[in-house]
Amino acid sequence: MGDRILVVDDDPDILQYVKMNLELEGFETETASNGADALKAASENPPSLVLLDVMMPGMDGLTTLRHLRNDPPTASVPVVMLTARALAQDRVKGLDLGADDYITKPFAVEELVARVRTVIRRAQQMRDVSPLTGLPGNFRISAELERRVSEQTPIAVVYGDLDNFKAFNDHYGFMRGDTVIKFTAKVMVEAAASCGGEEAFVGHVGGDDYIALIDPELVDEYCTTVIQEFDDGILDFYDTVDAVQGYIEVTDRRGERHAFPIVSFSMGVVTNQDRAIASEWEASAIASEMKEFAKRQPGSTYSVDRRQ
């Protein structure tokens, strides 16, 4: 099933012309002749992209765009504006309201199709990037892992997360917690660049969970580097008194105070050097198992699956 485009224009000839050409290029299309119908159609079944005419009677394109951006189901749907007016201030107003691109009438079909594809591709890439760390998200992680497993490429899957992070977040607040999330991502990326191999890949599963795909010959050096750099930098995120004493105190719901050690980083590793890995699901399951084993050890550490 191809990407679905909602085309909105009060001119029936333009609607038919755009619809026909997009369908020839493999897109599914839906049409609306006014802003109200467009909002209803988009909200009920959000499309991959909206092609929206600026000048329409009643609710014009810019007003329609404002409603699209304020409605949760369509807030992130990319919108390309169609306009017969090439004035810079009109384009600026649309872009300020959240338009992703502009096409001026009359337009060449080739340009229309190219811009539609570019905006959809960019939107898809942005959706699969962690807004906090900028790292690839779950879709890219899954695709990359599936590709390497199916091609039987030598691979080490490193699954890591932070220890005692919830207590840190509760004590210092989520904004400082976010800085630790970004710091950890930076450590993993820089270690991958320095000693992870040419095909190294780092992704952000979400929260305080990360995945790295590393050359199995280099995975011990990689994990050691991550631990060293993480432990060298993590104290910078603590208040001086907490860093000196080596723990923080957090009060629970019962009013009882508990001491939590400095945040550390645990990693579980599985490779296909000594055993076959049948699927990306098996790889992630074993790496998760090894991570839980590593978390039983104090401080930052990693554990490699050595079973054959």
Protein backbone atom coordinates (compact mmCIF):
# COMPACT_ATOMS: atom_id res chain seq x y z
CA MET A 1 0.00 0.00 0.00
CA GLY A 2 1.44 3.37 -1.06
CA ASP A 3 1.48 6.69 0.75
CA ARG A 4 -1.92 8.38 0.85
CA ILE A 5 -2.26 12.03 -0.19
CA LEU A 6 -5.18 14.30 0.67
CA VAL A 7 -5.55 16.90 -2.10
CA VAL A 8 -7.55 20.01 -1.16
CA ASP A 9 -8.56 22.54 -3.84
CA ASP A 10 -11.80 24.28 -4.81
CA ASP A 11 -11.01 23.90 -8.53
CA PRO A 12 -12.35 20.50 -9.71
CA ASP A 13 -10.06 20.47 -12.75
CA ILE A 14 -6.95 20.86 -10.59
CA LEU A 15 -8.23 18.21 -8.18
CA GLN A 16 -8.67 15.71 -10.98
CA TYR A 17 -5.36 16.62 -12.63
CA VAL A 18 -3.34 16.24 -9.41
CA LYS A 19 -5.22 13.10 -8.36
CA MET A 20 -4.62 11.38 -11.70
CA ASN A 21 -0.91 12.18 -11.80
CA LEU A 22 -0.27 11.18 -8.19
CA GLU A 23 -2.02 7.86 -8.72
CA LEU A 24 0.08 7.23 -11.84
CA GLU A 25 3.11 7.62 -9.55
CA GLY A 26 1.77 4.99 -7.12
CA PHE A 27 0.17 7.22 -4.49
CA GLU A 28 -3.28 6.69 -3.05
CA THR A 29 -5.32 9.88 -3.15
CA GLU A 30 -8.33 11.42 -1.46
CA THR A 31 -9.80 14.79 -2.41
CA ALA A 32 -11.67 17.61 -0.68
CA SER A 33 -12.99 20.81 -2.23
CA ASN A 34 -12.98 22.99 0.90
CA GLY A 35 -11.26 23.40 4.24
CA ALA A 36 -14.06 21.99 6.38
CA ASP A 37 -14.24 18.74 4.41
CA ALA A 38 -10.45 18.50 4.45
CA LEU A 39 -10.31 18.81 8.25
CA LYS A 40 -12.99 16.13 8.67
CA ALA A 41 -11.26 13.70 6.28
CA ALA A 42 -7.80 14.28 7.75
CA SER A 43 -8.95 13.91 11.34
CA GLU A 44 -10.87 10.67 10.70
CA ASN A 45 -8.03 9.06 8.74
CA PRO A 46 -4.77 11.05 8.83
CA PRO A 47 -3.01 10.93 5.44
CA SER A 48 0.70 10.70 4.69
CA LEU A 49 0.62 14.26 3.37
CA VAL A 50 -1.85 17.07 2.64
CA LEU A 51 -1.65 19.12 -0.58
CA LEU A 52 -3.52 22.26 0.42
CA ASP A 53 -4.59 25.15 -1.78
CA VAL A 54 -4.11 28.54 -0.15
CA MET A 55 -6.96 30.50 -1.79
CA MET A 56 -10.33 28.81 -1.25
CA PRO A 57 -13.73 30.35 -0.50
CA GLY A 58 -14.95 30.12 3.06
CA MET A 59 -12.16 28.59 5.15
CA ASP A 60 -8.96 29.41 3.28
CA GLY A 61 -5.83 27.27 3.21
CA LEU A 62 -3.98 29.10 5.96
CA THR A 63 -6.92 28.79 8.35
CA THR A 64 -7.24 25.12 7.45
CA LEU A 65 -3.53 24.67 8.10
CA ARG A 66 -3.86 26.28 11.53
CA HIS A 67 -6.64 23.83 12.44
CA LEU A 68 -4.62 20.89 11.15
CA ARG A 69 -1.70 21.85 13.35
CA ASN A 70 -3.93 22.30 16.43
CA ASP A 71 -5.71 18.94 16.06
CA PRO A 72 -3.72 16.08 17.68
CA PRO A 73 -4.43 13.47 14.94
CA THR A 74 -3.09 15.79 12.23
CA ALA A 75 -0.57 17.90 14.14
CA SER A 76 2.42 16.09 12.64
CA VAL A 77 1.00 15.36 9.16
CA PRO A 78 3.20 17.13 6.57
CA VAL A 79 1.47 19.86 4.55
CA VAL A 80 2.52 21.24 1.17
CA MET A 81 0.75 24.46 0.18
CA LEU A 82 -0.43 25.10 -3.39
CA THR A 83 -0.62 28.78 -4.24
CA ALA A 84 -1.04 31.07 -7.22
CA ARG A 85 0.56 33.87 -5.20
CA ALA A 86 4.33 33.97 -5.10
CA LEU A 87 4.66 36.82 -2.61
CA ALA A 88 7.33 36.21 0.02
CA GLN A 89 5.12 37.35 2.91
CA ASP A 90 2.47 34.77 1.98
CA ARG A 91 5.04 31.98 2.01
CA VAL A 92 6.49 33.18 5.31
CA LYS A 93 3.04 33.22 6.91
CA GLY A 94 2.35 29.66 5.80
CA LEU A 95 5.73 28.41 6.97
CA ASP A 96 5.21 30.12 10.32
CA LEU A 97 1.91 28.27 10.68
CA GLY A 98 3.63 24.94 10.06
CA ALA A 99 3.65 24.33 6.29
CA ASP A 100 6.45 22.01 5.18
CA ASP A 101 6.80 23.32 1.62
CA TYR A 102 5.21 25.53 -1.04
CA ILE A 103 4.47 24.89 -4.73
CA THR A 104 3.49 27.82 -6.94
CA LYS A 105 0.81 27.40 -9.61
CA PRO A 106 1.16 26.62 -12.44
CA PHE A 107 3.52 23.78 -11.60
CA ALA A 108 5.17 20.91 -13.44
CA VAL A 109 3.95 17.46 -12.45
CA GLU A 110 7.54 16.27 -12.05
CA GLU A 111 8.25 19.02 -9.51
CA LEU A 112 5.02 18.29 -7.63
CA VAL A 113 5.80 14.56 -7.33
CA ALA A 114 9.43 15.21 -6.36
CA ARG A 115 8.44 17.66 -3.61
CA VAL A 116 5.74 15.33 -2.28
CA ARG A 117 8.20 12.44 -2.07
CA THR A 118 10.87 14.59 -0.47
CA VAL A 119 8.54 15.95 2.22
CA ILE A 120 7.13 12.48 3.02
CA ARG A 121 10.63 11.00 3.23
CA ARG A 122 11.83 13.81 5.49
CA ALA A 123 8.78 13.44 7.74
CA GLN A 124 9.28 9.69 8.02
CA GLN A 125 12.94 10.19 8.93
CA MET A 126 12.04 12.77 11.56
CA ARG A 127 9.42 10.48 13.11
CA ASP A 128 12.01 7.78 13.59
CA VAL A 129 14.56 9.99 15.31
CA SER A 130 14.57 10.50 19.06
CA PRO A 131 13.72 14.17 19.62
CA LEU A 132 15.87 14.13 22.75
CA THR A 133 19.08 12.50 21.52
CA GLY A 134 18.77 12.74 17.72
CA LEU A 135 19.59 9.02 17.47
CA PRO A 136 17.68 6.54 15.28
CA GLY A 137 14.55 5.18 16.95
CA ASN A 138 12.92 1.77 17.12
CA PHE A 139 11.95 1.44 13.45
CA ARG A 140 15.48 2.14 12.23
CA ILE A 141 16.96 -0.05 14.97
CA SER A 142 14.71 -2.96 14.02
CA ALA A 143 15.40 -2.57 10.29
CA GLU A 144 19.17 -2.36 10.79
CA LEU A 145 19.24 -5.35 13.13
CA GLU A 146 17.02 -7.41 10.82
CA ARG A 147 19.24 -6.61 7.84
CA ARG A 148 22.46 -7.61 9.57
CA VAL A 149 20.99 -10.80 11.02
CA SER A 150 19.54 -11.88 7.67
CA GLU A 151 22.82 -11.14 5.87
CA GLN A 152 24.72 -13.03 8.60
CA THR A 153 27.02 -10.07 9.01
CA PRO A 154 29.38 -10.44 12.00
CA ILE A 155 27.64 -8.45 14.69
CA ALA A 156 27.67 -7.69 18.38
CA VAL A 157 24.41 -6.33 19.80
CA VAL A 158 24.96 -4.11 22.84
CA TYR A 159 21.84 -3.32 24.88
CA GLY A 160 22.41 -0.81 27.67
CA ASP A 161 20.49 1.21 30.19
CA LEU A 162 21.09 3.40 33.21
CA ASP A 163 21.08 2.15 36.82
CA ASN A 164 19.49 4.24 39.60
CA PHE A 165 18.22 6.71 37.01
CA LYS A 166 14.67 7.00 38.38
CA ALA A 167 16.01 8.10 41.75
CA PHE A 168 18.22 10.68 39.99
CA ASN A 169 15.21 11.95 38.03
CA ASP A 170 13.06 12.16 41.16
CA HIS A 171 15.78 13.98 43.07
CA TYR A 172 16.96 16.49 40.46
CA GLY A 173 13.96 16.72 38.10
CA PHE A 174 13.36 15.53 34.56
CA MET A 175 15.25 18.39 32.90
CA ARG A 176 18.53 17.36 34.51
CA GLY A 177 17.55 13.75 33.81
CA ASP A 178 17.26 14.61 30.12
CA THR A 179 20.82 15.96 30.15
CA VAL A 180 22.03 12.58 31.43
CA ILE A 181 20.08 10.82 28.65
CA LYS A 182 21.79 13.03 26.06
CA PHE A 183 25.20 12.62 27.73
CA THR A 184 24.89 8.83 27.57
CA ALA A 185 23.96 8.97 23.89
CA LYS A 186 26.99 11.17 23.20
CA VAL A 187 29.29 8.74 25.02
CA MET A 188 27.98 5.77 23.01
CA VAL A 189 28.22 7.59 19.68
CA GLU A 190 31.76 8.86 20.31
CA ALA A 191 32.91 5.42 21.43
CA ALA A 192 31.37 3.88 18.30
CA ALA A 193 33.22 6.40 16.14
CA SER A 194 36.56 5.78 17.85
CA CYS A 195 36.54 2.01 18.33
CA GLY A 196 33.29 0.44 17.11
CA GLY A 197 34.26 -0.41 13.56
CA GLU A 198 33.25 1.08 10.20
CA GLU A 199 29.68 -0.26 10.36
CA ALA A 200 28.98 0.81 13.95
CA PHE A 201 25.39 1.88 14.62
CA VAL A 202 23.89 3.47 17.75
CA GLY A 203 20.16 3.85 18.40
CA HIS A 204 17.93 5.16 21.19
CA VAL A 205 15.23 2.65 22.11
CA GLY A 206 13.56 5.20 24.38
CA GLY A 207 13.86 6.44 27.95
CA ASP A 208 17.26 5.38 29.25
CA ASP A 209 17.61 2.35 26.92
CA TYR A 210 20.10 2.25 24.04
CA ILE A 211 21.25 -0.20 21.36
CA ALA A 212 24.62 -0.35 19.62
CA LEU A 213 25.61 -2.67 16.77
CA ILE A 214 29.37 -3.15 16.86
CA ASP A 215 32.07 -5.23 15.19
CA PRO A 216 32.28 -8.29 17.48
CA GLU A 217 36.08 -8.17 17.39
CA LEU A 218 35.91 -4.69 18.89
CA VAL A 219 33.00 -5.01 21.29
CA ASP A 220 35.10 -5.44 24.45
CA GLU A 221 37.10 -2.31 23.65
CA TYR A 222 33.88 -0.48 22.82
CA CYS A 223 32.14 -1.38 26.09
CA THR A 224 35.24 -0.60 28.13
CA THR A 225 35.50 2.81 26.45
CA VAL A 226 31.81 3.57 27.07
CA ILE A 227 32.15 2.70 30.75
CA GLN A 228 35.30 4.75 31.20
CA GLU A 229 33.87 7.84 29.49
CA PHE A 230 30.51 7.51 31.24
CA ASP A 231 32.01 7.15 34.70
CA ASP A 232 34.41 10.03 34.03
CA GLY A 233 31.55 12.38 33.18
CA ILE A 234 28.51 11.37 35.20
CA LEU A 235 29.51 13.21 38.39
CA ASP A 236 29.30 16.51 36.51
CA PHE A 237 25.50 16.18 36.67
CA TYR A 238 25.41 15.93 40.48
CA ASP A 239 25.47 18.71 43.02
CA THR A 240 28.90 18.92 44.65
CA VAL A 241 27.79 17.61 48.04
CA ASP A 242 26.11 14.57 46.45
CA ALA A 243 29.08 13.88 44.22
CA VAL A 244 31.47 13.99 47.18
CA GLN A 245 29.40 11.67 49.36
CA GLY A 246 28.80 9.29 46.43
CA TYR A 247 25.02 8.98 46.72
CA ILE A 248 21.75 10.89 46.83
CA GLU A 249 18.92 10.60 49.33
CA VAL A 250 15.35 10.29 48.02
CA THR A 251 12.20 10.31 50.15
CA ASP A 252 9.56 7.75 49.17
CA ARG A 253 5.77 8.04 49.47
CA ARG A 254 5.88 6.88 53.06
CA GLY A 255 8.27 9.66 54.00
CA GLU A 256 11.18 7.25 54.39
CA ARG A 257 14.59 8.32 53.07
CA HIS A 258 16.67 5.99 50.90
CA ALA A 259 20.24 6.33 49.65
CA PHE A 260 20.90 5.65 45.96
CA PRO A 261 24.38 5.25 44.43
CA ILE A 262 25.70 7.36 41.59
CA VAL A 263 24.03 6.55 38.27
CA SER A 264 25.90 3.82 36.39
CA PHE A 265 25.52 2.15 32.98
CA SER A 266 24.96 -1.57 32.41
CA MET A 267 25.26 -3.33 29.06
CA GLY A 268 24.35 -6.80 27.83
CA VAL A 269 26.08 -8.15 24.73
CA VAL A 270 25.30 -10.98 22.30
CA THR A 271 27.34 -11.81 19.19
CA ASN A 272 27.01 -14.27 16.32
CA GLN A 273 30.68 -15.21 16.45
CA ASP A 274 30.20 -18.51 18.30
CA ARG A 275 26.48 -19.10 17.81
CA ALA A 276 23.95 -18.47 15.08
CA ILE A 277 21.31 -15.82 15.69
CA ALA A 278 18.07 -16.72 13.92
CA SER A 279 16.29 -13.37 14.09
CA GLU A 280 16.44 -9.83 15.41
CA TRP A 281 13.97 -10.92 18.12
CA GLU A 282 16.38 -13.57 19.38
CA ALA A 283 19.28 -11.11 19.33
CA SER A 284 17.39 -8.51 21.35
CA ALA A 285 16.08 -11.11 23.81
CA ILE A 286 19.56 -12.51 24.56
CA ALA A 287 21.08 -9.02 24.82
CA SER A 288 18.31 -8.07 27.26
CA GLU A 289 18.99 -11.20 29.31
CA MET A 290 22.69 -10.36 29.50
CA LYS A 291 21.92 -6.77 30.45
CA GLU A 292 19.85 -7.94 33.41
CA PHE A 293 22.78 -10.11 34.46
CA ALA A 294 25.14 -7.12 34.21
CA LYS A 295 22.78 -4.98 36.33
CA ARG A 296 23.27 -7.36 39.26
CA GLN A 297 26.89 -6.20 39.45
CA PRO A 298 27.69 -2.90 41.19
CA GLY A 299 28.67 0.14 39.12
CA SER A 300 29.01 0.41 35.36
CA THR A 301 29.67 -2.93 33.74
CA TYR A 302 28.90 -5.16 30.78
CA SER A 303 28.26 -8.86 30.30
CA VAL A 304 28.85 -10.82 27.08
CA ASP A 305 26.94 -13.99 26.20
CA ARG A 306 29.68 -16.64 25.79
CA ARG A 307 27.35 -19.59 25.25
CA GLN A 308 27.83 -21.61 22.06
